[in-house]
Amino acid sequence: MKRVVPAKIHRKINIAISHIHEDHDLLFTYIEKLRYIALHPESHLHVINILERFISQFLEHVIKEEQLLRQYLPVQIVDQHIEQHQSELALLDENLARLKKELSLHNIQHVVTQLNREFEKHTNQYDTAILKKLQLLKD
């Protein structure tokens, strides 16, 4: 039997999904800033600051997203998604440590390439799949 979702919850899910997409846009803005720095050696000193802001923004995003998911999806599905977030946070910590240890053009380019690849996967695979599950609740 299909579960009926009240209109109020339907709207809340739509707004939450919209906010998640806005977060993704902001995260990719930070990646673009990092990419710019990788191409402009005179800006290298800013890369750690921008990466730290990226990490902070990603943490905010993860917290909001996980709270939303816990409201509407089964625990097992949410826990799997949280594991993906944990893996991404570990990658961010490793990259930040790498840059703090050696701030070189090679390391900056490596970090930017890796972050771009990982967060495209985050938005296009992980979050797309989980947001489809939320969408199914509404439909």
C-alpha atoms as a PDB file:
ATOM      1  CA  MET A   1       0.000   0.000   0.000  1.00  0.00           C
ATOM      2  CA  LYS A   2       1.295   3.444  -0.932  1.00  0.00           C
ATOM      3  CA  ARG A   3       2.056   5.772   1.958  1.00  0.00           C
ATOM      4  CA  VAL A   4       0.230   9.118   1.842  1.00  0.00           C
ATOM      5  CA  VAL A   5       2.420  12.087   2.671  1.00  0.00           C
ATOM      6  CA  PRO A   6       0.619  15.179   4.002  1.00  0.00           C
ATOM      7  CA  ALA A   7       1.022  18.384   1.969  1.00  0.00           C
ATOM      8  CA  LYS A   8       2.930  20.085   4.796  1.00  0.00           C
ATOM      9  CA  ILE A   9       5.573  17.332   4.819  1.00  0.00           C
ATOM     10  CA  HIS A  10       5.610  17.349   1.016  1.00  0.00           C
ATOM     11  CA  ARG A  11       6.515  21.075   1.092  1.00  0.00           C
ATOM     12  CA  LYS A  12       9.139  20.541   3.809  1.00  0.00           C
ATOM     13  CA  ILE A  13      10.824  17.834   1.724  1.00  0.00           C
ATOM     14  CA  ASN A  14      10.784  20.092  -1.364  1.00  0.00           C
ATOM     15  CA  ILE A  15      12.368  22.951   0.582  1.00  0.00           C
ATOM     16  CA  ALA A  16      14.966  20.655   2.125  1.00  0.00           C
ATOM     17  CA  ILE A  17      15.902  19.210  -1.269  1.00  0.00           C
ATOM     18  CA  SER A  18      16.226  22.751  -2.615  1.00  0.00           C
ATOM     19  CA  HIS A  19      18.568  23.663   0.255  1.00  0.00           C
ATOM     20  CA  ILE A  20      20.683  20.578  -0.386  1.00  0.00           C
ATOM     21  CA  HIS A  21      21.091  21.614  -4.023  1.00  0.00           C
ATOM     22  CA  GLU A  22      22.043  25.138  -2.927  1.00  0.00           C
ATOM     23  CA  ASP A  23      24.681  23.633  -0.601  1.00  0.00           C
ATOM     24  CA  HIS A  24      26.074  21.632  -3.505  1.00  0.00           C
ATOM     25  CA  ASP A  25      26.346  24.782  -5.616  1.00  0.00           C
ATOM     26  CA  LEU A  26      28.231  26.522  -2.817  1.00  0.00           C
ATOM     27  CA  LEU A  27      30.597  23.568  -2.360  1.00  0.00           C
ATOM     28  CA  PHE A  28      31.431  23.595  -6.049  1.00  0.00           C
ATOM     29  CA  THR A  29      32.065  27.349  -5.827  1.00  0.00           C
ATOM     30  CA  TYR A  30      34.781  26.574  -3.290  1.00  0.00           C
ATOM     31  CA  ILE A  31      36.237  23.934  -5.590  1.00  0.00           C
ATOM     32  CA  GLU A  32      36.316  26.521  -8.389  1.00  0.00           C
ATOM     33  CA  LYS A  33      38.180  28.914  -6.077  1.00  0.00           C
ATOM     34  CA  LEU A  34      40.689  26.153  -5.335  1.00  0.00           C
ATOM     35  CA  ARG A  35      41.047  25.433  -9.058  1.00  0.00           C
ATOM     36  CA  TYR A  36      41.739  29.119  -9.703  1.00  0.00           C
ATOM     37  CA  ILE A  37      44.429  29.118  -7.023  1.00  0.00           C
ATOM     38  CA  ALA A  38      46.037  26.039  -8.555  1.00  0.00           C
ATOM     39  CA  LEU A  39      46.391  27.990 -11.800  1.00  0.00           C
ATOM     40  CA  HIS A  40      47.693  31.183 -10.158  1.00  0.00           C
ATOM     41  CA  PRO A  41      50.802  30.579  -8.038  1.00  0.00           C
ATOM     42  CA  GLU A  42      50.629  34.043  -6.473  1.00  0.00           C
ATOM     43  CA  SER A  43      47.446  32.912  -4.674  1.00  0.00           C
ATOM     44  CA  HIS A  44      48.769  29.671  -3.158  1.00  0.00           C
ATOM     45  CA  LEU A  45      48.842  31.054   0.362  1.00  0.00           C
ATOM     46  CA  HIS A  46      45.031  31.285   0.327  1.00  0.00           C
ATOM     47  CA  VAL A  47      44.447  27.634  -0.486  1.00  0.00           C
ATOM     48  CA  ILE A  48      44.478  26.348   3.102  1.00  0.00           C
ATOM     49  CA  ASN A  49      42.026  29.026   4.215  1.00  0.00           C
ATOM     50  CA  ILE A  50      39.653  28.211   1.352  1.00  0.00           C
ATOM     51  CA  LEU A  51      39.943  24.468   1.962  1.00  0.00           C
ATOM     52  CA  GLU A  52      39.152  24.995   5.647  1.00  0.00           C
ATOM     53  CA  ARG A  53      36.061  27.027   4.689  1.00  0.00           C
ATOM     54  CA  PHE A  54      35.106  24.278   2.229  1.00  0.00           C
ATOM     55  CA  ILE A  55      35.389  21.692   5.016  1.00  0.00           C
ATOM     56  CA  SER A  56      33.295  23.851   7.331  1.00  0.00           C
ATOM     57  CA  GLN A  57      30.622  24.294   4.660  1.00  0.00           C
ATOM     58  CA  PHE A  58      30.666  20.578   3.894  1.00  0.00           C
ATOM     59  CA  LEU A  59      30.185  19.766   7.593  1.00  0.00           C
ATOM     60  CA  GLU A  60      27.188  22.103   7.730  1.00  0.00           C
ATOM     61  CA  HIS A  61      25.790  20.465   4.619  1.00  0.00           C
ATOM     62  CA  VAL A  62      26.295  16.962   6.012  1.00  0.00           C
ATOM     63  CA  ILE A  63      24.599  17.808   9.308  1.00  0.00           C
ATOM     64  CA  LYS A  64      21.553  19.340   7.595  1.00  0.00           C
ATOM     65  CA  GLU A  65      21.309  16.516   5.103  1.00  0.00           C
ATOM     66  CA  GLU A  66      21.600  13.777   7.704  1.00  0.00           C
ATOM     67  CA  GLN A  67      18.973  15.430   9.924  1.00  0.00           C
ATOM     68  CA  LEU A  68      16.598  15.617   6.976  1.00  0.00           C
ATOM     69  CA  LEU A  69      17.201  12.015   5.973  1.00  0.00           C
ATOM     70  CA  ARG A  70      16.676  10.740   9.526  1.00  0.00           C
ATOM     71  CA  GLN A  71      13.214  12.321   9.531  1.00  0.00           C
ATOM     72  CA  TYR A  72      11.950  10.470   6.483  1.00  0.00           C
ATOM     73  CA  LEU A  73      14.084   7.460   5.543  1.00  0.00           C
ATOM     74  CA  PRO A  74      14.850   4.124   7.206  1.00  0.00           C
ATOM     75  CA  VAL A  75      17.850   4.062   9.545  1.00  0.00           C
ATOM     76  CA  GLN A  76      19.793   1.558   7.424  1.00  0.00           C
ATOM     77  CA  ILE A  77      19.636   3.783   4.326  1.00  0.00           C
ATOM     78  CA  VAL A  78      20.659   6.867   6.310  1.00  0.00           C
ATOM     79  CA  ASP A  79      23.521   5.007   8.014  1.00  0.00           C
ATOM     80  CA  GLN A  80      24.910   3.948   4.638  1.00  0.00           C
ATOM     81  CA  HIS A  81      24.816   7.551   3.469  1.00  0.00           C
ATOM     82  CA  ILE A  82      26.518   8.693   6.675  1.00  0.00           C
ATOM     83  CA  GLU A  83      29.335   6.208   6.001  1.00  0.00           C
ATOM     84  CA  GLN A  84      29.870   7.881   2.630  1.00  0.00           C
ATOM     85  CA  HIS A  85      30.031  11.265   4.355  1.00  0.00           C
ATOM     86  CA  GLN A  86      32.552   9.913   6.864  1.00  0.00           C
ATOM     87  CA  SER A  87      34.753   8.703   4.023  1.00  0.00           C
ATOM     88  CA  GLU A  88      34.573  12.125   2.363  1.00  0.00           C
ATOM     89  CA  LEU A  89      35.414  13.899   5.621  1.00  0.00           C
ATOM     90  CA  ALA A  90      38.456  11.650   6.068  1.00  0.00           C
ATOM     91  CA  LEU A  91      39.561  12.548   2.537  1.00  0.00           C
ATOM     92  CA  LEU A  92      39.182  16.244   3.319  1.00  0.00           C
ATOM     93  CA  ASP A  93      41.256  15.879   6.498  1.00  0.00           C
ATOM     94  CA  GLU A  94      43.973  14.029   4.569  1.00  0.00           C
ATOM     95  CA  ASN A  95      44.069  16.705   1.884  1.00  0.00           C
ATOM     96  CA  LEU A  96      44.230  19.527   4.392  1.00  0.00           C
ATOM     97  CA  ALA A  97      47.088  17.790   6.239  1.00  0.00           C
ATOM     98  CA  ARG A  98      48.876  17.236   2.928  1.00  0.00           C
ATOM     99  CA  LEU A  99      48.716  20.926   2.056  1.00  0.00           C
ATOM    100  CA  LYS A 100      49.742  22.019   5.530  1.00  0.00           C
ATOM    101  CA  LYS A 101      52.748  19.716   5.320  1.00  0.00           C
ATOM    102  CA  GLU A 102      53.812  20.890   1.854  1.00  0.00           C
ATOM    103  CA  LEU A 103      52.140  23.762   0.050  1.00  0.00           C
ATOM    104  CA  SER A 104      53.281  23.030  -3.482  1.00  0.00           C
ATOM    105  CA  LEU A 105      51.700  23.464  -6.905  1.00  0.00           C
ATOM    106  CA  HIS A 106      51.685  19.683  -7.346  1.00  0.00           C
ATOM    107  CA  ASN A 107      49.855  19.110  -4.037  1.00  0.00           C
ATOM    108  CA  ILE A 108      47.333  21.864  -4.729  1.00  0.00           C
ATOM    109  CA  GLN A 109      46.557  20.445  -8.169  1.00  0.00           C
ATOM    110  CA  HIS A 110      46.275  16.938  -6.707  1.00  0.00           C
ATOM    111  CA  VAL A 111      43.855  18.122  -4.001  1.00  0.00           C
ATOM    112  CA  VAL A 112      41.726  20.117  -6.446  1.00  0.00           C
ATOM    113  CA  THR A 113      41.476  17.185  -8.875  1.00  0.00           C
ATOM    114  CA  GLN A 114      40.621  14.759  -6.099  1.00  0.00           C
ATOM    115  CA  LEU A 115      38.014  17.061  -4.515  1.00  0.00           C
ATOM    116  CA  ASN A 116      36.365  17.781  -7.827  1.00  0.00           C
ATOM    117  CA  ARG A 117      36.125  14.072  -8.639  1.00  0.00           C
ATOM    118  CA  GLU A 118      34.895  13.135  -5.155  1.00  0.00           C
ATOM    119  CA  PHE A 119      32.255  15.840  -4.904  1.00  0.00           C
ATOM    120  CA  GLU A 120      30.951  15.240  -8.391  1.00  0.00           C
ATOM    121  CA  LYS A 121      30.495  11.644  -7.259  1.00  0.00           C
ATOM    122  CA  HIS A 122      28.922  12.909  -4.020  1.00  0.00           C
ATOM    123  CA  THR A 123      26.315  15.013  -5.799  1.00  0.00           C
ATOM    124  CA  ASN A 124      25.754  12.951  -8.946  1.00  0.00           C
ATOM    125  CA  GLN A 125      25.703   9.503  -7.357  1.00  0.00           C
ATOM    126  CA  TYR A 126      25.300   9.479  -3.573  1.00  0.00           C
ATOM    127  CA  ASP A 127      22.984  12.440  -3.117  1.00  0.00           C
ATOM    128  CA  THR A 128      21.057  11.852  -6.329  1.00  0.00           C
ATOM    129  CA  ALA A 129      20.259   8.331  -5.147  1.00  0.00           C
ATOM    130  CA  ILE A 130      19.239   9.401  -1.654  1.00  0.00           C
ATOM    131  CA  LEU A 131      17.182  12.353  -2.919  1.00  0.00           C
ATOM    132  CA  LYS A 132      15.338   9.987  -5.259  1.00  0.00           C
ATOM    133  CA  LYS A 133      14.320   8.005  -2.181  1.00  0.00           C
ATOM    134  CA  LEU A 134      12.942  11.190  -0.655  1.00  0.00           C
ATOM    135  CA  GLN A 135      11.192  12.029  -3.907  1.00  0.00           C
ATOM    136  CA  LEU A 136       9.499   8.633  -3.872  1.00  0.00           C
ATOM    137  CA  LEU A 137       7.982   9.495  -0.503  1.00  0.00           C
ATOM    138  CA  LYS A 138       6.325  12.544  -2.004  1.00  0.00           C
ATOM    139  CA  ASP A 139       5.060  10.927  -5.196  1.00  0.00           C
END
